[in-house]
Protein backbone atom coordinates (compact mmCIF):
# COMPACT_ATOMS: atom_id res chain seq x y z
CA UNK A 1 117.85 122.15 116.51
CA UNK A 2 115.47 122.94 113.65
CA UNK A 3 112.20 121.02 113.60
CA UNK A 4 110.20 120.32 110.46
CA UNK A 5 106.91 118.48 109.96
CA UNK A 6 105.35 116.39 107.19
CA UNK A 7 101.82 114.97 107.08
CA UNK A 8 101.06 111.55 105.57
CA UNK A 9 97.49 110.75 104.54
CA UNK A 10 95.62 108.32 102.30
CA UNK A 11 93.10 105.51 102.31
CA UNK A 12 93.06 102.51 104.61
CA UNK A 13 95.91 100.09 103.74
CA UNK A 14 97.73 102.61 101.55
CA UNK A 15 100.89 102.25 103.65
CA UNK A 16 100.92 105.29 105.97
CA UNK A 17 101.90 103.41 109.13
CA UNK A 18 104.54 101.37 107.30
CA UNK A 19 106.05 104.44 105.60
CA UNK A 20 106.43 106.28 108.89
CA UNK A 21 107.96 103.22 110.57
CA UNK A 22 110.42 102.93 107.68
CA UNK A 23 111.67 106.48 108.22
CA UNK A 24 111.48 106.92 111.97
CA UNK A 25 114.57 106.82 114.16
CA UNK A 26 112.38 106.28 117.22
CA UNK A 27 109.82 103.62 118.01
CA UNK A 28 106.75 105.03 116.31
CA UNK A 29 103.72 106.06 118.27
CA UNK A 30 100.62 104.49 116.76
CA UNK A 31 97.04 103.86 117.79
CA UNK A 32 96.17 100.68 115.94
CA UNK A 33 93.10 98.66 116.85
CA UNK A 34 91.62 95.44 115.51
CA UNK A 35 89.61 96.01 112.36
CA UNK A 36 85.82 95.86 112.69
CA UNK A 37 84.88 97.43 109.39
CA UNK A 38 85.37 97.12 105.63
CA UNK A 39 89.16 97.21 105.94
CA UNK A 40 89.02 93.61 107.15
CA UNK A 41 89.44 92.62 103.49
CA UNK A 42 93.02 93.90 103.59
CA UNK A 43 94.37 94.12 107.14
CA UNK A 44 93.92 92.99 110.73
CA UNK A 45 94.48 96.38 112.37
CA UNK A 46 93.76 99.98 111.45
CA UNK A 47 94.95 103.34 112.78
CA UNK A 48 92.21 105.01 114.80
CA UNK A 49 93.93 108.24 115.84
CA UNK A 50 97.38 108.94 114.41
CA UNK A 51 100.90 107.67 113.69
CA UNK A 52 103.96 109.62 114.78
CA UNK A 53 107.68 109.21 114.20
CA UNK A 54 110.87 111.29 114.07
CA UNK A 55 113.62 111.24 111.45
CA UNK A 56 117.00 112.73 112.44
CA UNK A 57 118.21 114.62 109.36
CA UNK A 58 121.56 115.72 110.79
CA UNK A 59 122.96 117.22 113.98
CA UNK A 60 120.94 120.40 113.48
CA UNK A 61 117.59 119.29 112.03
CA UNK A 62 114.92 116.63 112.45
CA UNK A 63 111.67 115.78 110.71
CA UNK A 64 108.46 115.03 112.61
CA UNK A 65 106.29 112.52 110.73
CA UNK A 66 102.52 112.57 111.28
CA UNK A 67 100.11 110.04 109.79
CA UNK A 68 96.34 110.39 109.71
CA UNK A 69 93.83 107.57 110.15
CA UNK A 70 92.47 106.54 106.75
CA UNK A 71 88.77 106.39 107.47
CA UNK A 72 86.28 109.23 107.34
CA UNK A 73 84.75 108.21 110.68
CA UNK A 74 87.96 109.54 112.27
CA UNK A 75 87.68 112.83 110.42
CA UNK A 76 87.85 114.73 113.70
CA UNK A 77 91.50 113.62 113.89
CA UNK A 78 92.17 115.01 110.41
CA UNK A 79 90.83 118.37 111.52
CA UNK A 80 92.84 118.29 114.76
CA UNK A 81 96.05 117.47 112.94
CA UNK A 82 95.52 120.12 110.25
CA UNK A 83 94.61 122.84 112.74
CA UNK A 84 97.00 121.98 115.57
CA UNK A 85 99.58 119.19 115.45
CA UNK A 86 100.68 119.63 111.83
CA UNK A 87 99.33 123.08 110.98
CA UNK A 88 102.89 124.27 110.25
CA UNK A 89 103.91 121.23 108.19
CA UNK A 90 106.11 121.77 105.14
CA UNK A 91 103.88 119.61 103.01
CA UNK A 92 101.78 116.49 102.63
CA UNK A 93 102.40 113.05 101.13
CA UNK A 94 99.23 111.44 99.77
CA UNK A 95 99.65 107.66 99.68
CA UNK A 96 97.56 105.85 97.05
CA UNK A 97 96.96 102.09 97.03
CA UNK A 98 97.34 100.88 93.44
CA UNK A 99 95.32 97.72 94.17
CA UNK A 100 92.16 99.75 94.65
CA UNK A 101 89.72 99.48 91.74
CA UNK A 102 89.62 103.26 91.28
CA UNK A 103 92.60 104.94 92.97
CA UNK A 104 91.67 108.24 91.33
CA UNK A 105 88.47 108.27 93.34
CA UNK A 106 90.62 108.19 96.47
CA UNK A 107 92.80 111.00 95.14
CA UNK A 108 89.77 113.20 94.46
CA UNK A 109 88.37 112.47 97.91
CA UNK A 110 91.52 113.34 99.85
CA UNK A 111 92.37 116.38 97.74
CA UNK A 112 88.92 117.75 98.49
CA UNK A 113 89.07 116.92 102.21
CA UNK A 114 92.55 118.45 102.64
CA UNK A 115 92.10 121.26 100.11
CA UNK A 116 92.52 124.10 102.60
CA UNK A 117 95.61 122.43 104.05
CA UNK A 118 97.47 121.82 100.79
CA UNK A 119 96.59 125.09 99.07
CA UNK A 120 99.49 126.71 100.97
CA UNK A 121 101.83 123.70 100.92
CA UNK A 122 103.38 121.28 98.47
CA UNK A 123 101.76 117.89 98.03
CA UNK A 124 103.20 114.73 96.44
CA UNK A 125 101.34 111.57 95.47
CA UNK A 126 103.14 108.34 96.40
CA UNK A 127 101.68 105.17 94.83
CA UNK A 128 102.09 101.93 96.79
CA UNK A 129 101.46 98.21 96.09
CA UNK A 130 102.33 98.50 92.38
CA UNK A 131 104.17 95.19 92.80
CA UNK A 132 100.75 93.60 93.25
CA UNK A 133 99.01 95.53 90.50
CA UNK A 134 101.09 97.33 87.88
CA UNK A 135 98.21 99.30 86.37
CA UNK A 136 97.55 102.18 86.43
CA UNK A 137 101.18 103.01 85.63
CA UNK A 138 102.99 106.33 86.02
CA UNK A 139 101.96 107.66 82.62
CA UNK A 140 98.31 106.83 83.34
CA UNK A 141 98.45 108.73 86.64
CA UNK A 142 100.09 111.74 85.02
CA UNK A 143 97.53 111.80 82.20
CA UNK A 144 94.47 111.49 84.46
CA UNK A 145 95.78 113.98 87.00
CA UNK A 146 96.43 116.47 84.21
CA UNK A 147 92.82 116.04 83.06
CA UNK A 148 91.75 116.63 86.67
CA UNK A 149 93.76 119.85 86.77
CA UNK A 150 96.13 118.43 89.38
CA UNK A 151 99.78 119.22 88.70
CA UNK A 152 102.06 117.53 91.18
CA UNK A 153 104.80 114.93 91.35
CA UNK A 154 103.76 111.25 91.30
CA UNK A 155 106.20 108.64 92.59
CA UNK A 156 105.89 104.85 92.88
CA UNK A 157 107.33 103.55 96.16
CA UNK A 158 107.62 100.52 98.41
CA UNK A 159 106.56 101.75 101.86
CA UNK A 160 108.60 98.98 103.48
CA UNK A 161 111.91 100.25 102.06
CA UNK A 162 113.27 103.31 103.93
CA UNK A 163 115.26 104.73 101.00
CA UNK A 164 112.17 104.45 98.77
CA UNK A 165 110.05 106.50 101.16
CA UNK A 166 112.96 108.87 101.80
CA UNK A 167 113.02 109.69 98.09
CA UNK A 168 109.50 111.08 98.35
CA UNK A 169 110.43 113.09 101.43
CA UNK A 170 113.48 114.51 99.66
CA UNK A 171 111.36 115.48 96.65
CA UNK A 172 108.86 117.16 98.96
CA UNK A 173 111.16 119.14 101.25
CA UNK A 174 114.53 119.21 99.48
CA UNK A 175 114.43 122.93 98.76
CA UNK A 176 113.18 123.76 102.25
CA UNK A 177 115.88 121.77 104.06
CA UNK A 178 119.02 122.37 102.02
CA UNK A 179 122.48 120.87 102.35
CA UNK A 180 121.50 117.44 103.63
CA UNK A 181 123.28 114.19 102.83
CA UNK A 182 120.18 112.38 101.58
CA UNK A 183 122.17 109.40 100.32
CA UNK A 184 123.81 109.03 103.72
CA UNK A 185 120.44 109.21 105.49
CA UNK A 186 119.02 106.56 103.16
CA UNK A 187 121.98 104.24 103.67
CA UNK A 188 121.68 104.63 107.44
CA UNK A 189 117.97 103.84 107.42
CA UNK A 190 118.33 100.86 105.08
CA UNK A 191 121.14 99.43 107.18
CA UNK A 192 118.80 99.28 110.16
CA UNK A 193 116.41 97.07 108.17
CA UNK A 194 118.53 94.70 106.04
CA UNK A 195 115.58 92.40 105.35
CA UNK A 196 112.30 93.52 103.88
CA UNK A 197 109.92 93.85 106.85
CA UNK A 198 106.40 92.45 106.88
CA UNK A 199 104.04 95.24 105.93
CA UNK A 200 101.27 96.00 108.42
CA UNK A 201 98.84 96.83 105.64
CA UNK A 202 99.24 93.24 104.34
CA UNK A 203 99.04 93.65 100.53
CA UNK A 204 99.54 89.89 100.18
CA UNK A 205 96.15 89.42 101.83
CA UNK A 206 94.37 91.15 98.95
CA UNK A 207 90.75 89.97 98.91
CA UNK A 208 91.60 87.31 101.49
CA UNK A 209 88.21 87.77 103.12
CA UNK A 210 85.22 87.20 100.77
CA UNK A 211 83.17 90.29 100.02
CA UNK A 212 79.96 89.24 101.79
CA UNK A 213 81.85 87.96 104.83
CA UNK A 214 83.67 91.28 105.07
CA UNK A 215 80.39 93.17 104.68
CA UNK A 216 78.56 91.39 107.48
CA UNK A 217 81.62 91.71 109.73
CA UNK A 218 81.57 95.47 109.23
CA UNK A 219 80.27 97.52 112.12
CA UNK A 220 76.66 98.57 111.61
CA UNK A 221 75.91 96.29 108.63
CA UNK A 222 73.44 93.53 109.49
CA UNK A 223 73.26 91.65 106.15
CA UNK A 224 74.40 91.98 102.56
CA UNK A 225 73.77 90.87 99.01
CA UNK A 226 76.13 90.64 96.04
CA UNK A 227 74.88 91.19 92.46
CA UNK A 228 76.68 90.70 89.15
CA UNK A 229 76.89 93.08 86.19
CA UNK A 230 73.41 92.01 85.08
CA UNK A 231 72.11 92.85 88.57
CA UNK A 232 71.35 89.20 89.29
CA UNK A 233 71.85 87.91 92.84
CA UNK A 234 75.09 85.93 93.15
CA UNK A 235 75.09 85.50 96.92
CA UNK A 236 73.17 86.89 99.86
CA UNK A 237 72.92 86.76 103.64
CA UNK A 238 69.60 88.63 103.60
CA UNK A 239 66.75 86.36 104.70
CA UNK A 240 63.83 88.61 103.82
CA UNK A 241 62.67 88.04 100.24
CA UNK A 242 60.98 91.44 100.28
CA UNK A 243 64.24 93.20 101.14
CA UNK A 244 66.12 91.27 98.48
CA UNK A 245 63.53 92.20 95.86
CA UNK A 246 63.59 95.83 96.96
CA UNK A 247 67.39 96.02 96.77
CA UNK A 248 67.34 94.47 93.29
CA UNK A 249 64.75 97.02 92.24
CA UNK A 250 66.92 99.82 93.63
CA UNK A 251 69.91 98.57 91.61
CA UNK A 252 67.81 98.48 88.44
CA UNK A 253 66.38 101.91 89.26
CA UNK A 254 69.88 103.36 89.25
CA UNK A 255 70.42 102.04 85.72
CA UNK A 256 67.07 103.42 84.60
CA UNK A 257 67.76 106.84 86.12
CA UNK A 258 71.12 107.06 84.39
CA UNK A 259 69.44 106.36 81.04
CA UNK A 260 66.40 108.59 81.52
CA UNK A 261 68.17 111.43 83.31
CA UNK A 262 71.64 111.53 81.80
CA UNK A 263 72.04 115.13 82.97
CA UNK A 264 72.41 113.78 86.50
CA UNK A 265 75.64 112.04 85.54
CA UNK A 266 76.83 108.73 86.95
CA UNK A 267 74.90 107.44 89.97
CA UNK A 268 76.81 105.00 92.17
CA UNK A 269 74.46 104.56 95.13
CA UNK A 270 70.86 104.73 96.27
CA UNK A 271 69.87 104.76 99.94
CA UNK A 272 66.49 104.33 101.64
CA UNK A 273 66.36 105.27 105.29
CA UNK A 274 63.76 106.17 107.86
CA UNK A 275 63.76 107.12 111.50
CA UNK A 276 64.28 104.03 113.63
CA UNK A 277 64.16 101.71 110.60
CA UNK A 278 66.87 99.57 109.07
CA UNK A 279 68.59 101.39 106.21
CA UNK A 280 68.61 99.75 102.78
CA UNK A 281 71.29 100.80 100.31
CA UNK A 282 72.73 99.74 96.98
CA UNK A 283 76.20 100.61 95.68
CA UNK A 284 76.99 99.90 92.04
CA UNK A 285 79.70 100.01 89.41
CA UNK A 286 79.91 98.56 85.93
CA UNK A 287 81.00 95.11 87.10
CA UNK A 288 78.81 94.44 90.11
CA UNK A 289 76.62 95.82 92.88
CA UNK A 290 76.43 95.50 96.65
CA UNK A 291 73.15 95.66 98.56
CA UNK A 292 73.35 96.39 102.29
CA UNK A 293 70.99 96.35 105.26
CA UNK A 294 72.39 98.48 108.06
CA UNK A 295 71.50 99.75 111.50
CA UNK A 296 69.67 103.09 111.56
CA UNK A 297 72.33 104.71 113.77
CA UNK A 298 75.05 104.15 111.17
CA UNK A 299 75.59 107.56 109.56
CA UNK A 300 75.26 107.83 105.80
CA UNK A 301 78.81 109.16 105.41
CA UNK A 302 80.29 106.18 107.24
CA UNK A 303 78.00 103.76 105.40
CA UNK A 304 79.07 105.14 102.02
CA UNK A 305 82.75 104.97 102.86
CA UNK A 306 82.42 101.41 104.16
CA UNK A 307 80.68 100.32 100.96
CA UNK A 308 83.20 102.16 98.77
CA UNK A 309 86.08 100.38 100.53
CA UNK A 310 84.41 97.00 100.19
CA UNK A 311 84.04 97.46 96.43
CA UNK A 312 87.38 99.23 95.94
CA UNK A 313 89.25 96.04 96.83
CA UNK A 314 86.86 93.66 95.11
CA UNK A 315 87.66 91.37 92.20
CA UNK A 316 84.49 89.34 92.74
């Protein structure tokens, strides 16, 4: 029996767990836990360690399917999987959630984090949730990726449909595992799931939880403030007027710095922190800004990812 491996990665709610369940011939091994962070805007549970499944290709070969947790706070699991569990994988499938405000930001992030892993392997980008948000479309992805210097296949899939996910797998490993009846495998998988299953990542729940409610329910964040494009306060759970004024000033300072120091490029966050003191931070884009008060033991990397996820799913 020949054994092959493929690694699935991508942001929270991009469909990794669902894709592996769609392909696996065994009950998948997962390590889901109730959400207590920014992902609460999109799902009730999140993978905290890994997903694992097995796809029987034929009588002589099988594919081991490994899925990473989506959040940077579980980065130690990424490193373990790249160096040990999936170090000999044929390739990687990067799942991208099309409902995110800037999916290309996610692509850049994961390509950088997994750069050493994919430099020796093939990588395919699989876009999910395009039924909820049609743009960017395929041509847009191809154009932006070309500008980024990234030349790889982009496919739009439904992670709930086995044959859809199988198409990506075939594109990734077809030349490595020759002579397979891919149509037969797809028909077998689809026959096991005649009705479209409910997706764990819950795309229908897009923005179900209001932004500020999600922020204050995120681990380590004590209070939050939402500002519009003019940097005016729309809503806030921050009681201290001084902190609210300071966060507004920080948001305006970002705009001033971008004008006065254009050589610095775009600035999307400003953080004030001190030993033992509550951290104050502002995260901005062209449409709105989010001010956060957070516990001092919350690391800056985790704080930035939490804020990015909160805004990535925001239409407010």
